Amino acid sequence: MTTIPTIHLNGTAGEDLKQEYYAAYKAIDAAIDALQTATFNGRDFYPQGSHAYSQARTERDATFEKLCQAHSYVEDMLSGICDQLP
């Protein structure tokens, strides 16, 4: 569960929060796309040994999962902020 900021008179303006989290959402989206399209070829790893490609694949998958988690977090924040705006 994501803790969403409460928009109120003494806090950050709701529109500012919306714009900032939308910018973060777009940036993470771009990072996900860039990682997905980055070349990942077994021929680039075999000189390091027979397990290098599978290790690199595991690391890449873990990194991709972290980006997806960050994307989901920012999406929840943005949704919660937008729900409070008129």
PDB file of N, CA and C in Angstrom:
ATOM      1  N   MET A   1       0.849  -1.183   0.000  1.00  0.00           N
ATOM      2  CA  MET A   1       0.000   0.000   0.000  1.00  0.00           C
ATOM      3  C   MET A   1       0.892   1.243   0.000  1.00  0.00           C
ATOM      4  N   THR A   2       0.597   2.140  -0.889  1.00  0.00           N
ATOM      5  CA  THR A   2       1.370   3.364  -1.029  1.00  0.00           C
ATOM      6  C   THR A   2       0.728   4.475  -0.208  1.00  0.00           C
ATOM      7  N   THR A   3       1.514   5.172   0.574  1.00  0.00           N
ATOM      8  CA  THR A   3       1.022   6.303   1.360  1.00  0.00           C
ATOM      9  C   THR A   3       1.005   7.532   0.457  1.00  0.00           C
ATOM     10  N   ILE A   4      -0.174   8.035   0.191  1.00  0.00           N
ATOM     11  CA  ILE A   4      -0.381   9.156  -0.726  1.00  0.00           C
ATOM     12  C   ILE A   4      -0.365  10.459   0.068  1.00  0.00           C
ATOM     13  N   PRO A   5       0.305  11.508  -0.458  1.00  0.00           N
ATOM     14  CA  PRO A   5       0.271  12.791   0.242  1.00  0.00           C
ATOM     15  C   PRO A   5      -1.149  13.368   0.224  1.00  0.00           C
ATOM     16  N   THR A   6      -1.492  14.055   1.289  1.00  0.00           N
ATOM     17  CA  THR A   6      -2.783  14.720   1.365  1.00  0.00           C
ATOM     18  C   THR A   6      -2.619  16.143   0.857  1.00  0.00           C
ATOM     19  N   ILE A   7      -3.448  16.501  -0.089  1.00  0.00           N
ATOM     20  CA  ILE A   7      -3.404  17.857  -0.631  1.00  0.00           C
ATOM     21  C   ILE A   7      -4.224  18.753   0.292  1.00  0.00           C
ATOM     22  N   HIS A   8      -3.553  19.810   0.810  1.00  0.00           N
ATOM     23  CA  HIS A   8      -4.227  20.751   1.697  1.00  0.00           C
ATOM     24  C   HIS A   8      -3.524  22.102   1.592  1.00  0.00           C
ATOM     25  N   LEU A   9      -4.092  23.114   2.221  1.00  0.00           N
ATOM     26  CA  LEU A   9      -3.616  24.496   2.066  1.00  0.00           C
ATOM     27  C   LEU A   9      -2.180  24.714   2.537  1.00  0.00           C
ATOM     28  N   ASN A  10      -1.718  24.000   3.547  1.00  0.00           N
ATOM     29  CA  ASN A  10      -0.368  24.201   4.067  1.00  0.00           C
ATOM     30  C   ASN A  10       0.682  23.313   3.405  1.00  0.00           C
ATOM     31  N   GLY A  11       0.267  22.501   2.455  1.00  0.00           N
ATOM     32  CA  GLY A  11       1.186  21.577   1.803  1.00  0.00           C
ATOM     33  C   GLY A  11       1.516  22.015   0.383  1.00  0.00           C
ATOM     34  N   THR A  12       2.149  21.133  -0.337  1.00  0.00           N
ATOM     35  CA  THR A  12       2.502  21.380  -1.732  1.00  0.00           C
ATOM     36  C   THR A  12       1.229  21.429  -2.569  1.00  0.00           C
ATOM     37  N   ALA A  13       1.198  22.342  -3.515  1.00  0.00           N
ATOM     38  CA  ALA A  13       0.029  22.474  -4.383  1.00  0.00           C
ATOM     39  C   ALA A  13      -0.216  21.164  -5.133  1.00  0.00           C
ATOM     40  N   GLY A  14      -1.467  20.783  -5.211  1.00  0.00           N
ATOM     41  CA  GLY A  14      -1.829  19.531  -5.868  1.00  0.00           C
ATOM     42  C   GLY A  14      -1.367  19.460  -7.310  1.00  0.00           C
ATOM     43  N   GLU A  15      -1.483  20.557  -8.028  1.00  0.00           N
ATOM     44  CA  GLU A  15      -1.068  20.577  -9.430  1.00  0.00           C
ATOM     45  C   GLU A  15       0.448  20.384  -9.561  1.00  0.00           C
ATOM     46  N   ASP A  16       1.200  20.941  -8.606  1.00  0.00           N
ATOM     47  CA  ASP A  16       2.651  20.743  -8.605  1.00  0.00           C
ATOM     48  C   ASP A  16       2.993  19.262  -8.384  1.00  0.00           C
ATOM     49  N   LEU A  17       2.338  18.659  -7.402  1.00  0.00           N
ATOM     50  CA  LEU A  17       2.562  17.238  -7.150  1.00  0.00           C
ATOM     51  C   LEU A  17       2.216  16.405  -8.385  1.00  0.00           C
ATOM     52  N   LYS A  18       1.102  16.716  -8.996  1.00  0.00           N
ATOM     53  CA  LYS A  18       0.671  15.996 -10.185  1.00  0.00           C
ATOM     54  C   LYS A  18       1.719  16.099 -11.286  1.00  0.00           C
ATOM     55  N   GLN A  19       2.198  17.287 -11.556  1.00  0.00           N
ATOM     56  CA  GLN A  19       3.185  17.490 -12.623  1.00  0.00           C
ATOM     57  C   GLN A  19       4.504  16.780 -12.297  1.00  0.00           C
ATOM     58  N   GLU A  20       4.934  16.865 -11.058  1.00  0.00           N
ATOM     59  CA  GLU A  20       6.200  16.238 -10.658  1.00  0.00           C
ATOM     60  C   GLU A  20       6.136  14.715 -10.760  1.00  0.00           C
ATOM     61  N   TYR A  21       5.059  14.130 -10.281  1.00  0.00           N
ATOM     62  CA  TYR A  21       4.939  12.674 -10.345  1.00  0.00           C
ATOM     63  C   TYR A  21       4.674  12.196 -11.764  1.00  0.00           C
ATOM     64  N   TYR A  22       4.013  13.016 -12.568  1.00  0.00           N
ATOM     65  CA  TYR A  22       3.827  12.653 -13.974  1.00  0.00           C
ATOM     66  C   TYR A  22       5.174  12.652 -14.698  1.00  0.00           C
ATOM     67  N   ALA A  23       6.020  13.623 -14.396  1.00  0.00           N
ATOM     68  CA  ALA A  23       7.366  13.666 -14.990  1.00  0.00           C
ATOM     69  C   ALA A  23       8.160  12.423 -14.580  1.00  0.00           C
ATOM     70  N   ALA A  24       8.063  12.034 -13.314  1.00  0.00           N
ATOM     71  CA  ALA A  24       8.751  10.832 -12.839  1.00  0.00           C
ATOM     72  C   ALA A  24       8.208   9.591 -13.548  1.00  0.00           C
ATOM     73  N   TYR A  25       6.898   9.527 -13.726  1.00  0.00           N
ATOM     74  CA  TYR A  25       6.254   8.397 -14.401  1.00  0.00           C
ATOM     75  C   TYR A  25       6.771   8.266 -15.831  1.00  0.00           C
ATOM     76  N   LYS A  26       6.814   9.376 -16.539  1.00  0.00           N
ATOM     77  CA  LYS A  26       7.301   9.361 -17.921  1.00  0.00           C
ATOM     78  C   LYS A  26       8.775   8.963 -17.986  1.00  0.00           C
ATOM     79  N   ALA A  27       9.579   9.448 -17.042  1.00  0.00           N
ATOM     80  CA  ALA A  27      11.010   9.120 -17.038  1.00  0.00           C
ATOM     81  C   ALA A  27      11.235   7.628 -16.785  1.00  0.00           C
ATOM     82  N   ILE A  28      10.506   7.056 -15.860  1.00  0.00           N
ATOM     83  CA  ILE A  28      10.644   5.626 -15.583  1.00  0.00           C
ATOM     84  C   ILE A  28      10.142   4.818 -16.768  1.00  0.00           C
ATOM     85  N   ASP A  29       9.055   5.276 -17.388  1.00  0.00           N
ATOM     86  CA  ASP A  29       8.535   4.637 -18.594  1.00  0.00           C
ATOM     87  C   ASP A  29       9.613   4.601 -19.683  1.00  0.00           C
ATOM     88  N   ALA A  30      10.307   5.719 -19.854  1.00  0.00           N
ATOM     89  CA  ALA A  30      11.379   5.797 -20.848  1.00  0.00           C
ATOM     90  C   ALA A  30      12.527   4.862 -20.483  1.00  0.00           C
ATOM     91  N   ALA A  31      12.853   4.775 -19.206  1.00  0.00           N
ATOM     92  CA  ALA A  31      13.923   3.873 -18.764  1.00  0.00           C
ATOM     93  C   ALA A  31      13.553   2.412 -19.026  1.00  0.00           C
ATOM     94  N   ILE A  32      12.306   2.054 -18.780  1.00  0.00           N
ATOM     95  CA  ILE A  32      11.841   0.692 -19.050  1.00  0.00           C
ATOM     96  C   ILE A  32      11.957   0.389 -20.541  1.00  0.00           C
ATOM     97  N   ASP A  33      11.490   1.318 -21.371  1.00  0.00           N
ATOM     98  CA  ASP A  33      11.584   1.129 -22.825  1.00  0.00           C
ATOM     99  C   ASP A  33      13.032   0.999 -23.274  1.00  0.00           C
ATOM    100  N   ALA A  34      13.908   1.839 -22.730  1.00  0.00           N
ATOM    101  CA  ALA A  34      15.319   1.806 -23.117  1.00  0.00           C
ATOM    102  C   ALA A  34      15.968   0.481 -22.733  1.00  0.00           C
ATOM    103  N   LEU A  35      15.661  -0.017 -21.545  1.00  0.00           N
ATOM    104  CA  LEU A  35      16.231  -1.287 -21.116  1.00  0.00           C
ATOM    105  C   LEU A  35      15.706  -2.437 -21.964  1.00  0.00           C
ATOM    106  N   GLN A  36      14.421  -2.395 -22.298  1.00  0.00           N
ATOM    107  CA  GLN A  36      13.837  -3.452 -23.120  1.00  0.00           C
ATOM    108  C   GLN A  36      14.465  -3.501 -24.509  1.00  0.00           C
ATOM    109  N   THR A  37      14.812  -2.352 -25.050  1.00  0.00           N
ATOM    110  CA  THR A  37      15.338  -2.317 -26.410  1.00  0.00           C
ATOM    111  C   THR A  37      16.864  -2.410 -26.475  1.00  0.00           C
ATOM    112  N   ALA A  38      17.531  -2.315 -25.329  1.00  0.00           N
ATOM    113  CA  ALA A  38      18.996  -2.430 -25.312  1.00  0.00           C
ATOM    114  C   ALA A  38      19.398  -3.840 -25.751  1.00  0.00           C
ATOM    115  N   THR A  39      20.377  -3.918 -26.611  1.00  0.00           N
ATOM    116  CA  THR A  39      20.850  -5.205 -27.112  1.00  0.00           C
ATOM    117  C   THR A  39      21.318  -6.086 -25.962  1.00  0.00           C
ATOM    118  N   PHE A  40      20.880  -7.337 -26.013  1.00  0.00           N
ATOM    119  CA  PHE A  40      21.281  -8.317 -25.007  1.00  0.00           C
ATOM    120  C   PHE A  40      21.503  -9.635 -25.731  1.00  0.00           C
ATOM    121  N   ASN A  41      22.733  -9.906 -26.059  1.00  0.00           N
ATOM    122  CA  ASN A  41      23.071 -11.028 -26.916  1.00  0.00           C
ATOM    123  C   ASN A  41      24.076 -11.941 -26.206  1.00  0.00           C
ATOM    124  N   GLY A  42      23.794 -13.215 -26.216  1.00  0.00           N
ATOM    125  CA  GLY A  42      24.666 -14.185 -25.578  1.00  0.00           C
ATOM    126  C   GLY A  42      26.091 -14.155 -26.103  1.00  0.00           C
ATOM    127  N   ARG A  43      26.266 -13.768 -27.368  1.00  0.00           N
ATOM    128  CA  ARG A  43      27.618 -13.713 -27.943  1.00  0.00           C
ATOM    129  C   ARG A  43      28.486 -12.660 -27.262  1.00  0.00           C
ATOM    130  N   ASP A  44      27.851 -11.721 -26.576  1.00  0.00           N
ATOM    131  CA  ASP A  44      28.607 -10.677 -25.883  1.00  0.00           C
ATOM    132  C   ASP A  44      29.123 -11.139 -24.519  1.00  0.00           C
ATOM    133  N   PHE A  45      28.709 -12.310 -24.091  1.00  0.00           N
ATOM    134  CA  PHE A  45      29.068 -12.807 -22.762  1.00  0.00           C
ATOM    135  C   PHE A  45      29.899 -14.078 -22.768  1.00  0.00           C
ATOM    136  N   TYR A  46      29.852 -14.864 -23.835  1.00  0.00           N
ATOM    137  CA  TYR A  46      30.499 -16.178 -23.785  1.00  0.00           C
ATOM    138  C   TYR A  46      32.004 -16.144 -23.524  1.00  0.00           C
ATOM    139  N   PRO A  47      32.737 -15.077 -23.898  1.00  0.00           N
ATOM    140  CA  PRO A  47      34.164 -15.081 -23.554  1.00  0.00           C
ATOM    141  C   PRO A  47      34.427 -15.099 -22.038  1.00  0.00           C
ATOM    142  N   GLN A  48      33.410 -14.761 -21.249  1.00  0.00           N
ATOM    143  CA  GLN A  48      33.557 -14.729 -19.790  1.00  0.00           C
ATOM    144  C   GLN A  48      33.283 -16.087 -19.141  1.00  0.00           C
ATOM    145  N   GLY A  49      32.839 -17.041 -19.916  1.00  0.00           N
ATOM    146  CA  GLY A  49      32.559 -18.371 -19.381  1.00  0.00           C
ATOM    147  C   GLY A  49      31.132 -18.789 -19.650  1.00  0.00           C
ATOM    148  N   SER A  50      30.850 -20.048 -19.397  1.00  0.00           N
ATOM    149  CA  SER A  50      29.547 -20.618 -19.752  1.00  0.00           C
ATOM    150  C   SER A  50      28.376 -20.089 -18.916  1.00  0.00           C
ATOM    151  N   HIS A  51      28.653 -19.521 -17.753  1.00  0.00           N
ATOM    152  CA  HIS A  51      27.571 -19.056 -16.888  1.00  0.00           C
ATOM    153  C   HIS A  51      27.358 -17.546 -16.954  1.00  0.00           C
ATOM    154  N   ALA A  52      28.184 -16.857 -17.708  1.00  0.00           N
ATOM    155  CA  ALA A  52      28.114 -15.397 -17.725  1.00  0.00           C
ATOM    156  C   ALA A  52      26.798 -14.885 -18.275  1.00  0.00           C
ATOM    157  N   TYR A  53      26.309 -15.485 -19.366  1.00  0.00           N
ATOM    158  CA  TYR A  53      25.057 -15.007 -19.961  1.00  0.00           C
ATOM    159  C   TYR A  53      23.889 -15.187 -19.005  1.00  0.00           C
ATOM    160  N   SER A  54      23.779 -16.354 -18.388  1.00  0.00           N
ATOM    161  CA  SER A  54      22.649 -16.579 -17.475  1.00  0.00           C
ATOM    162  C   SER A  54      22.739 -15.664 -16.255  1.00  0.00           C
ATOM    163  N   GLN A  55      23.939 -15.395 -15.772  1.00  0.00           N
ATOM    164  CA  GLN A  55      24.109 -14.460 -14.650  1.00  0.00           C
ATOM    165  C   GLN A  55      23.699 -13.050 -15.085  1.00  0.00           C
ATOM    166  N   ALA A  56      24.131 -12.652 -16.262  1.00  0.00           N
ATOM    167  CA  ALA A  56      23.775 -11.330 -16.772  1.00  0.00           C
ATOM    168  C   ALA A  56      22.265 -11.220 -16.982  1.00  0.00           C
ATOM    169  N   ARG A  57      21.637 -12.293 -17.463  1.00  0.00           N
ATOM    170  CA  ARG A  57      20.181 -12.305 -17.666  1.00  0.00           C
ATOM    171  C   ARG A  57      19.460 -12.149 -16.329  1.00  0.00           C
ATOM    172  N   THR A  58      19.921 -12.852 -15.309  1.00  0.00           N
ATOM    173  CA  THR A  58      19.329 -12.742 -13.977  1.00  0.00           C
ATOM    174  C   THR A  58      19.447 -11.314 -13.448  1.00  0.00           C
ATOM    175  N   GLU A  59      20.610 -10.710 -13.621  1.00  0.00           N
ATOM    176  CA  GLU A  59      20.825  -9.327 -13.169  1.00  0.00           C
ATOM    177  C   GLU A  59      19.927  -8.355 -13.928  1.00  0.00           C
ATOM    178  N   ARG A  60      19.825  -8.547 -15.242  1.00  0.00           N
ATOM    179  CA  ARG A  60      18.978  -7.662 -16.057  1.00  0.00           C
ATOM    180  C   ARG A  60      17.513  -7.807 -15.648  1.00  0.00           C
ATOM    181  N   ASP A  61      17.063  -9.034 -15.462  1.00  0.00           N
ATOM    182  CA  ASP A  61      15.674  -9.264 -15.051  1.00  0.00           C
ATOM    183  C   ASP A  61      15.379  -8.609 -13.704  1.00  0.00           C
ATOM    184  N   ALA A  62      16.317  -8.702 -12.766  1.00  0.00           N
ATOM    185  CA  ALA A  62      16.135  -8.084 -11.446  1.00  0.00           C
ATOM    186  C   ALA A  62      16.064  -6.558 -11.567  1.00  0.00           C
ATOM    187  N   THR A  63      16.904  -6.009 -12.415  1.00  0.00           N
ATOM    188  CA  THR A  63      16.893  -4.564 -12.623  1.00  0.00           C
ATOM    189  C   THR A  63      15.589  -4.136 -13.265  1.00  0.00           C
ATOM    190  N   PHE A  64      15.122  -4.880 -14.249  1.00  0.00           N
ATOM    191  CA  PHE A  64      13.850  -4.583 -14.902  1.00  0.00           C
ATOM    192  C   PHE A  64      12.703  -4.626 -13.893  1.00  0.00           C
ATOM    193  N   GLU A  65      12.723  -5.616 -13.011  1.00  0.00           N
ATOM    194  CA  GLU A  65      11.684  -5.732 -11.983  1.00  0.00           C
ATOM    195  C   GLU A  65      11.694  -4.520 -11.049  1.00  0.00           C
ATOM    196  N   LYS A  66      12.866  -4.032 -10.694  1.00  0.00           N
ATOM    197  CA  LYS A  66      12.958  -2.842  -9.840  1.00  0.00           C
ATOM    198  C   LYS A  66      12.382  -1.620 -10.545  1.00  0.00           C
ATOM    199  N   LEU A  67      12.662  -1.491 -11.827  1.00  0.00           N
ATOM    200  CA  LEU A  67      12.072  -0.378 -12.587  1.00  0.00           C
ATOM    201  C   LEU A  67      10.547  -0.490 -12.619  1.00  0.00           C
ATOM    202  N   CYS A  68      10.053  -1.697 -12.801  1.00  0.00           N
ATOM    203  CA  CYS A  68       8.603  -1.905 -12.821  1.00  0.00           C
ATOM    204  C   CYS A  68       7.978  -1.586 -11.458  1.00  0.00           C
ATOM    205  N   GLN A  69       8.673  -1.923 -10.377  1.00  0.00           N
ATOM    206  CA  GLN A  69       8.186  -1.590  -9.039  1.00  0.00           C
ATOM    207  C   GLN A  69       8.155  -0.080  -8.841  1.00  0.00           C
ATOM    208  N   ALA A  70       9.191   0.611  -9.297  1.00  0.00           N
ATOM    209  CA  ALA A  70       9.222   2.074  -9.189  1.00  0.00           C
ATOM    210  C   ALA A  70       8.106   2.685 -10.022  1.00  0.00           C
ATOM    211  N   HIS A  71       7.876   2.126 -11.192  1.00  0.00           N
ATOM    212  CA  HIS A  71       6.809   2.610 -12.080  1.00  0.00           C
ATOM    213  C   HIS A  71       5.451   2.465 -11.395  1.00  0.00           C
ATOM    214  N   SER A  72       5.230   1.323 -10.780  1.00  0.00           N
ATOM    215  CA  SER A  72       3.972   1.065 -10.074  1.00  0.00           C
ATOM    216  C   SER A  72       3.788   2.017  -8.892  1.00  0.00           C
ATOM    217  N   TYR A  73       4.862   2.247  -8.142  1.00  0.00           N
ATOM    218  CA  TYR A  73       4.810   3.177  -7.014  1.00  0.00           C
ATOM    219  C   TYR A  73       4.416   4.577  -7.485  1.00  0.00           C
ATOM    220  N   VAL A  74       5.073   5.058  -8.514  1.00  0.00           N
ATOM    221  CA  VAL A  74       4.790   6.408  -9.006  1.00  0.00           C
ATOM    222  C   VAL A  74       3.374   6.473  -9.583  1.00  0.00           C
ATOM    223  N   GLU A  75       2.941   5.408 -10.237  1.00  0.00           N
ATOM    224  CA  GLU A  75       1.578   5.361 -10.769  1.00  0.00           C
ATOM    225  C   GLU A  75       0.553   5.456  -9.635  1.00  0.00           C
ATOM    226  N   ASP A  76       0.789   4.733  -8.538  1.00  0.00           N
ATOM    227  CA  ASP A  76      -0.101   4.810  -7.378  1.00  0.00           C
ATOM    228  C   ASP A  76      -0.128   6.225  -6.797  1.00  0.00           C
ATOM    229  N   MET A  77       1.054   6.838  -6.681  1.00  0.00           N
ATOM    230  CA  MET A  77       1.128   8.204  -6.155  1.00  0.00           C
ATOM    231  C   MET A  77       0.356   9.164  -7.055  1.00  0.00           C
ATOM    232  N   LEU A  78       0.599   9.070  -8.346  1.00  0.00           N
ATOM    233  CA  LEU A  78      -0.061   9.960  -9.296  1.00  0.00           C
ATOM    234  C   LEU A  78      -1.576   9.771  -9.270  1.00  0.00           C
ATOM    235  N   SER A  79      -2.007   8.553  -9.219  1.00  0.00           N
ATOM    236  CA  SER A  79      -3.443   8.266  -9.162  1.00  0.00           C
ATOM    237  C   SER A  79      -4.063   8.838  -7.890  1.00  0.00           C
ATOM    238  N   GLY A  80      -3.397   8.627  -6.761  1.00  0.00           N
ATOM    239  CA  GLY A  80      -3.902   9.145  -5.486  1.00  0.00           C
ATOM    240  C   GLY A  80      -3.940  10.666  -5.438  1.00  0.00           C
ATOM    241  N   ILE A  81      -2.957  11.293  -6.060  1.00  0.00           N
ATOM    242  CA  ILE A  81      -2.943  12.759  -6.137  1.00  0.00           C
ATOM    243  C   ILE A  81      -4.081  13.249  -7.023  1.00  0.00           C
ATOM    244  N   CYS A  82      -4.213  12.632  -8.186  1.00  0.00           N
ATOM    245  CA  CYS A  82      -5.259  13.048  -9.130  1.00  0.00           C
ATOM    246  C   CYS A  82      -6.662  12.861  -8.551  1.00  0.00           C
ATOM    247  N   ASP A  83      -6.827  11.820  -7.736  1.00  0.00           N
ATOM    248  CA  ASP A  83      -8.128  11.585  -7.102  1.00  0.00           C
ATOM    249  C   ASP A  83      -8.548  12.725  -6.186  1.00  0.00           C
ATOM    250  N   GLN A  84      -7.590  13.496  -5.687  1.00  0.00           N
ATOM    251  CA  GLN A  84      -7.890  14.595  -4.775  1.00  0.00           C
ATOM    252  C   GLN A  84      -8.101  15.928  -5.486  1.00  0.00           C
ATOM    253  N   LEU A  85      -7.772  15.991  -6.757  1.00  0.00           N
ATOM    254  CA  LEU A  85      -7.889  17.250  -7.492  1.00  0.00           C
ATOM    255  C   LEU A  85      -9.291  17.414  -8.060  1.00  0.00           C
ATOM    256  N   PRO A  86      -9.728  18.664  -8.167  1.00  0.00           N
ATOM    257  CA  PRO A  86     -11.068  18.898  -8.729  1.00  0.00           C
ATOM    258  C   PRO A  86     -11.141  18.557 -10.198  1.00  0.00           C
TER     259      PRO A  86
END
